[in-house]
Structure formats: structure tokens, C-alpha cells
Amino acid sequence: MFAVNFDELQWESPLPGARFKSFSRDGKKLRIAEFTSEFVEPHWCEKEHVGIVLSGELEIDFKGTLVRYPEGTAIFIPAGASHGHKGRAVTPIVRLFLVEEA
């Protein structure tokens, strides 16, 4: 009743090198996201992201400041223009678990 089985959800692929599975309820979205080294973020993202790197290593460019997030590292990026960011996979594949506003 209060469980989400991501194995039963279909992958969605909005851009080359990126895919995700998501579940939304009560204004929240749970998402498993996977990025490969092929993924190129087309725009600066200004959305909030809260989650954890499940596997691989992610690098986020905060408009010139690069920060690496290895496996097991939590991510907390507040919403807003001053936090514009772009992510990329450092390893061949990086997988994240994210909690977002729906």
C-alpha cells in the first residue's frame, strides 16, 4: 500500500543518454534516473533536486563551479536561478534516486 515497486514501472527516455522511472502522488515525485556519458544537458536547470547517487559518479556544473558526487553521496540543490546547474556522468553510467515536487 505504501510501497513503490520501480521494477514494475517503464523507463522513459527524454534525451539521448538519459532515462528515468517515476512515481507521483500527493505533490511529490519519486524518480530513479540514469545517465550515461552520452548525456548532454541542453539547458541550465533551476529545479530543486534532493536525492542520492545510487551507483557511479555524477559531476554537476554550477555555472563554472564543478562538484563531484560519488556513489553514496546525497544531493540537495535548492530551486532558483542562482543555483543553475548541469549534470553529467563521470562514470559510464550514473544512477540516482530523487525526490521532487510533482
N, C-alpha and C. Protein backbone atom coordinates (compact mmCIF):
# COMPACT_ATOMS: atom_id res chain seq x y z
N MET A 1 0.81 -1.19 0.00
CA MET A 1 0.00 0.00 0.00
C MET A 1 0.86 1.27 0.00
N PHE A 2 1.95 1.27 0.76
CA PHE A 2 2.82 2.44 0.82
C PHE A 2 4.18 2.14 0.20
N ALA A 3 4.21 1.24 -0.75
CA ALA A 3 5.45 0.85 -1.42
C ALA A 3 5.38 1.21 -2.89
N VAL A 4 6.52 1.51 -3.46
CA VAL A 4 6.63 1.77 -4.90
C VAL A 4 7.60 0.73 -5.45
N ASN A 5 7.13 -0.08 -6.38
CA ASN A 5 7.97 -1.10 -6.99
C ASN A 5 8.48 -0.56 -8.33
N PHE A 6 9.69 -0.01 -8.34
CA PHE A 6 10.24 0.57 -9.56
C PHE A 6 10.46 -0.48 -10.66
N ASP A 7 10.61 -1.75 -10.28
CA ASP A 7 10.77 -2.80 -11.28
C ASP A 7 9.54 -2.94 -12.17
N GLU A 8 8.38 -2.52 -11.68
CA GLU A 8 7.14 -2.61 -12.46
C GLU A 8 6.89 -1.38 -13.33
N LEU A 9 7.68 -0.34 -13.18
CA LEU A 9 7.50 0.89 -13.95
C LEU A 9 8.34 0.86 -15.22
N GLN A 10 7.85 1.52 -16.25
CA GLN A 10 8.54 1.58 -17.54
C GLN A 10 9.56 2.71 -17.54
N TRP A 11 10.68 2.49 -18.23
CA TRP A 11 11.68 3.54 -18.42
C TRP A 11 11.15 4.55 -19.43
N GLU A 12 11.41 5.83 -19.19
CA GLU A 12 11.14 6.91 -20.14
C GLU A 12 12.49 7.49 -20.53
N SER A 13 12.66 7.85 -21.80
CA SER A 13 13.95 8.39 -22.27
C SER A 13 13.72 9.73 -22.97
N PRO A 14 13.80 10.84 -22.22
CA PRO A 14 13.54 12.15 -22.81
C PRO A 14 14.66 12.67 -23.70
N LEU A 15 15.90 12.24 -23.45
CA LEU A 15 17.07 12.70 -24.23
C LEU A 15 18.04 11.54 -24.38
N PRO A 16 18.89 11.58 -25.42
CA PRO A 16 19.90 10.52 -25.56
C PRO A 16 20.79 10.45 -24.31
N GLY A 17 20.99 9.25 -23.83
CA GLY A 17 21.84 9.05 -22.66
C GLY A 17 21.16 9.26 -21.33
N ALA A 18 19.85 9.52 -21.34
CA ALA A 18 19.11 9.75 -20.09
C ALA A 18 17.83 8.92 -20.10
N ARG A 19 17.54 8.30 -18.97
CA ARG A 19 16.26 7.62 -18.83
C ARG A 19 15.87 7.64 -17.36
N PHE A 20 14.55 7.51 -17.12
CA PHE A 20 14.08 7.53 -15.75
C PHE A 20 12.78 6.75 -15.61
N LYS A 21 12.50 6.36 -14.35
CA LYS A 21 11.23 5.80 -13.94
C LYS A 21 10.72 6.71 -12.84
N SER A 22 9.43 7.03 -12.86
CA SER A 22 8.93 7.93 -11.81
C SER A 22 7.57 7.49 -11.29
N PHE A 23 7.30 7.91 -10.07
CA PHE A 23 6.03 7.67 -9.40
C PHE A 23 5.64 8.96 -8.71
N SER A 24 4.40 9.43 -8.95
CA SER A 24 3.94 10.69 -8.34
C SER A 24 2.69 10.45 -7.51
N ARG A 25 2.64 11.15 -6.37
CA ARG A 25 1.45 11.12 -5.51
C ARG A 25 1.55 12.28 -4.52
N ASP A 26 0.41 12.91 -4.28
CA ASP A 26 0.29 13.95 -3.26
C ASP A 26 1.34 15.05 -3.41
N GLY A 27 1.61 15.46 -4.64
CA GLY A 27 2.52 16.57 -4.89
C GLY A 27 4.00 16.23 -4.86
N LYS A 28 4.33 14.95 -4.67
CA LYS A 28 5.73 14.51 -4.66
C LYS A 28 5.97 13.52 -5.80
N LYS A 29 7.19 13.53 -6.29
CA LYS A 29 7.59 12.59 -7.33
C LYS A 29 8.84 11.87 -6.87
N LEU A 30 8.80 10.54 -6.92
CA LEU A 30 9.97 9.70 -6.67
C LEU A 30 10.49 9.27 -8.02
N ARG A 31 11.81 9.39 -8.21
CA ARG A 31 12.36 9.11 -9.53
C ARG A 31 13.68 8.37 -9.43
N ILE A 32 13.82 7.33 -10.23
CA ILE A 32 15.10 6.69 -10.46
C ILE A 32 15.58 7.24 -11.80
N ALA A 33 16.71 7.91 -11.81
CA ALA A 33 17.25 8.49 -13.04
C ALA A 33 18.59 7.84 -13.36
N GLU A 34 18.83 7.64 -14.63
CA GLU A 34 20.08 7.02 -15.08
C GLU A 34 20.64 7.85 -16.23
N PHE A 35 21.90 8.21 -16.13
CA PHE A 35 22.58 8.99 -17.16
C PHE A 35 23.82 8.24 -17.61
N THR A 36 24.09 8.28 -18.90
CA THR A 36 25.32 7.71 -19.43
C THR A 36 26.23 8.85 -19.86
N SER A 37 27.45 8.51 -20.22
CA SER A 37 28.40 9.54 -20.66
C SER A 37 27.95 10.20 -21.96
N GLU A 38 26.95 9.65 -22.64
CA GLU A 38 26.39 10.23 -23.86
C GLU A 38 25.48 11.43 -23.56
N PHE A 39 24.97 11.52 -22.33
CA PHE A 39 24.00 12.56 -21.97
C PHE A 39 24.65 13.94 -21.93
N VAL A 40 24.00 14.90 -22.58
CA VAL A 40 24.42 16.31 -22.56
C VAL A 40 23.20 17.13 -22.16
N GLU A 41 23.30 17.83 -21.05
CA GLU A 41 22.20 18.66 -20.56
C GLU A 41 22.05 19.86 -21.49
N PRO A 42 20.86 20.04 -22.12
CA PRO A 42 20.71 21.11 -23.11
C PRO A 42 20.56 22.51 -22.51
N HIS A 43 20.06 22.61 -21.27
CA HIS A 43 19.81 23.92 -20.66
C HIS A 43 20.25 23.89 -19.20
N TRP A 44 20.45 25.08 -18.64
CA TRP A 44 20.72 25.18 -17.20
C TRP A 44 19.43 24.85 -16.46
N CYS A 45 19.51 23.92 -15.55
CA CYS A 45 18.35 23.51 -14.76
C CYS A 45 18.27 24.39 -13.51
N GLU A 46 17.07 24.81 -13.14
CA GLU A 46 16.88 25.63 -11.95
C GLU A 46 15.93 24.97 -10.97
N LYS A 47 15.60 23.69 -11.21
CA LYS A 47 14.70 22.96 -10.32
C LYS A 47 15.44 22.46 -9.09
N GLU A 48 14.66 22.22 -8.05
CA GLU A 48 15.21 21.62 -6.84
C GLU A 48 15.45 20.13 -7.09
N HIS A 49 16.56 19.61 -6.56
CA HIS A 49 16.84 18.18 -6.62
C HIS A 49 17.32 17.72 -5.25
N VAL A 50 16.67 16.70 -4.74
CA VAL A 50 17.05 16.09 -3.47
C VAL A 50 17.13 14.60 -3.70
N GLY A 51 18.24 13.98 -3.37
CA GLY A 51 18.35 12.55 -3.59
C GLY A 51 19.72 12.02 -3.22
N ILE A 52 20.04 10.86 -3.81
CA ILE A 52 21.30 10.19 -3.51
C ILE A 52 21.80 9.50 -4.78
N VAL A 53 23.12 9.46 -4.92
CA VAL A 53 23.75 8.74 -6.02
C VAL A 53 23.78 7.26 -5.62
N LEU A 54 23.04 6.44 -6.34
CA LEU A 54 22.97 5.01 -6.03
C LEU A 54 24.18 4.26 -6.55
N SER A 55 24.63 4.64 -7.76
CA SER A 55 25.81 3.99 -8.34
C SER A 55 26.47 4.94 -9.33
N GLY A 56 27.77 4.76 -9.51
CA GLY A 56 28.52 5.62 -10.43
C GLY A 56 28.91 6.93 -9.77
N GLU A 57 29.31 7.88 -10.61
CA GLU A 57 29.71 9.20 -10.12
C GLU A 57 29.14 10.28 -11.03
N LEU A 58 28.55 11.29 -10.42
CA LEU A 58 27.93 12.41 -11.10
C LEU A 58 28.78 13.66 -10.89
N GLU A 59 28.87 14.49 -11.92
CA GLU A 59 29.51 15.80 -11.78
C GLU A 59 28.46 16.84 -12.13
N ILE A 60 28.35 17.87 -11.28
CA ILE A 60 27.40 18.95 -11.54
C ILE A 60 28.18 20.25 -11.70
N ASP A 61 27.87 20.94 -12.78
CA ASP A 61 28.45 22.25 -13.09
C ASP A 61 27.49 23.31 -12.59
N PHE A 62 27.89 24.04 -11.55
CA PHE A 62 27.10 25.15 -11.02
C PHE A 62 27.63 26.43 -11.64
N LYS A 63 27.36 26.59 -12.93
CA LYS A 63 27.77 27.78 -13.70
C LYS A 63 29.24 28.10 -13.48
N GLY A 64 30.09 27.09 -13.70
CA GLY A 64 31.53 27.27 -13.62
C GLY A 64 32.20 26.60 -12.44
N THR A 65 31.44 26.25 -11.42
CA THR A 65 31.99 25.52 -10.29
C THR A 65 31.58 24.06 -10.42
N LEU A 66 32.57 23.18 -10.58
CA LEU A 66 32.29 21.76 -10.76
C LEU A 66 32.37 21.03 -9.42
N VAL A 67 31.33 20.22 -9.13
CA VAL A 67 31.27 19.45 -7.89
C VAL A 67 30.99 18.01 -8.27
N ARG A 68 31.77 17.09 -7.70
CA ARG A 68 31.58 15.65 -7.96
C ARG A 68 30.81 15.01 -6.82
N TYR A 69 29.92 14.09 -7.20
CA TYR A 69 29.09 13.35 -6.27
C TYR A 69 29.31 11.86 -6.51
N PRO A 70 30.20 11.22 -5.74
CA PRO A 70 30.43 9.79 -5.91
C PRO A 70 29.27 8.98 -5.32
N GLU A 71 29.27 7.70 -5.63
CA GLU A 71 28.26 6.77 -5.12
C GLU A 71 28.10 6.93 -3.62
N GLY A 72 26.83 7.00 -3.17
CA GLY A 72 26.52 7.13 -1.75
C GLY A 72 26.40 8.56 -1.27
N THR A 73 26.70 9.53 -2.14
CA THR A 73 26.63 10.94 -1.75
C THR A 73 25.21 11.47 -1.95
N ALA A 74 24.72 12.21 -0.95
CA ALA A 74 23.41 12.84 -1.06
C ALA A 74 23.54 14.15 -1.83
N ILE A 75 22.46 14.51 -2.51
CA ILE A 75 22.39 15.75 -3.29
C ILE A 75 21.25 16.59 -2.73
N PHE A 76 21.52 17.86 -2.48
CA PHE A 76 20.46 18.79 -2.08
C PHE A 76 20.71 20.10 -2.80
N ILE A 77 19.97 20.33 -3.86
CA ILE A 77 20.11 21.55 -4.66
C ILE A 77 18.79 22.32 -4.54
N PRO A 78 18.80 23.48 -3.88
CA PRO A 78 17.58 24.28 -3.78
C PRO A 78 17.15 24.83 -5.14
N ALA A 79 15.87 25.11 -5.27
CA ALA A 79 15.35 25.70 -6.50
C ALA A 79 15.81 27.15 -6.62
N GLY A 80 15.92 27.63 -7.87
CA GLY A 80 16.20 29.04 -8.07
C GLY A 80 17.28 29.31 -9.09
N ALA A 81 17.18 30.47 -9.69
CA ALA A 81 18.10 30.86 -10.76
C ALA A 81 19.55 30.91 -10.30
N SER A 82 19.78 31.29 -9.04
CA SER A 82 21.17 31.40 -8.57
C SER A 82 21.83 30.03 -8.43
N HIS A 83 21.04 28.97 -8.57
CA HIS A 83 21.56 27.62 -8.43
C HIS A 83 21.53 26.87 -9.77
N GLY A 84 21.53 27.60 -10.90
CA GLY A 84 21.52 26.94 -12.20
C GLY A 84 22.61 25.89 -12.28
N HIS A 85 22.27 24.74 -12.83
CA HIS A 85 23.22 23.64 -12.84
C HIS A 85 22.99 22.72 -14.04
N LYS A 86 24.05 21.99 -14.37
CA LYS A 86 24.01 20.95 -15.41
C LYS A 86 24.77 19.75 -14.88
N GLY A 87 24.19 18.57 -15.06
CA GLY A 87 24.85 17.36 -14.60
C GLY A 87 25.41 16.54 -15.75
N ARG A 88 26.40 15.72 -15.41
CA ARG A 88 26.93 14.77 -16.40
C ARG A 88 27.50 13.56 -15.66
N ALA A 89 27.47 12.44 -16.35
CA ALA A 89 28.01 11.20 -15.79
C ALA A 89 29.53 11.20 -15.93
N VAL A 90 30.23 10.99 -14.83
CA VAL A 90 31.69 10.85 -14.86
C VAL A 90 32.03 9.41 -15.23
N THR A 91 31.29 8.48 -14.66
CA THR A 91 31.44 7.06 -14.96
C THR A 91 30.55 6.73 -16.17
N PRO A 92 30.74 5.58 -16.80
CA PRO A 92 29.90 5.25 -17.97
C PRO A 92 28.40 5.34 -17.70
N ILE A 93 27.98 5.01 -16.47
CA ILE A 93 26.58 5.12 -16.07
C ILE A 93 26.53 5.63 -14.64
N VAL A 94 25.60 6.56 -14.37
CA VAL A 94 25.34 7.00 -13.01
C VAL A 94 23.84 6.86 -12.79
N ARG A 95 23.49 6.33 -11.62
CA ARG A 95 22.08 6.12 -11.28
C ARG A 95 21.77 6.87 -10.00
N LEU A 96 20.66 7.62 -10.01
CA LEU A 96 20.25 8.46 -8.88
C LEU A 96 18.86 8.10 -8.40
N PHE A 97 18.60 8.31 -7.13
CA PHE A 97 17.24 8.30 -6.59
C PHE A 97 16.93 9.72 -6.19
N LEU A 98 15.83 10.29 -6.71
CA LEU A 98 15.47 11.69 -6.46
C LEU A 98 14.06 11.81 -5.91
N VAL A 99 13.87 12.79 -5.04
CA VAL A 99 12.55 13.16 -4.53
C VAL A 99 12.32 14.60 -4.96
N GLU A 100 11.23 14.82 -5.70
CA GLU A 100 10.99 16.15 -6.30
C GLU A 100 9.54 16.55 -6.12
N GLU A 101 9.28 17.82 -6.34
CA GLU A 101 7.88 18.30 -6.38
C GLU A 101 7.27 17.79 -7.68
N ALA A 102 6.03 17.32 -7.60
CA ALA A 102 5.36 16.79 -8.79
C ALA A 102 4.79 17.92 -9.64
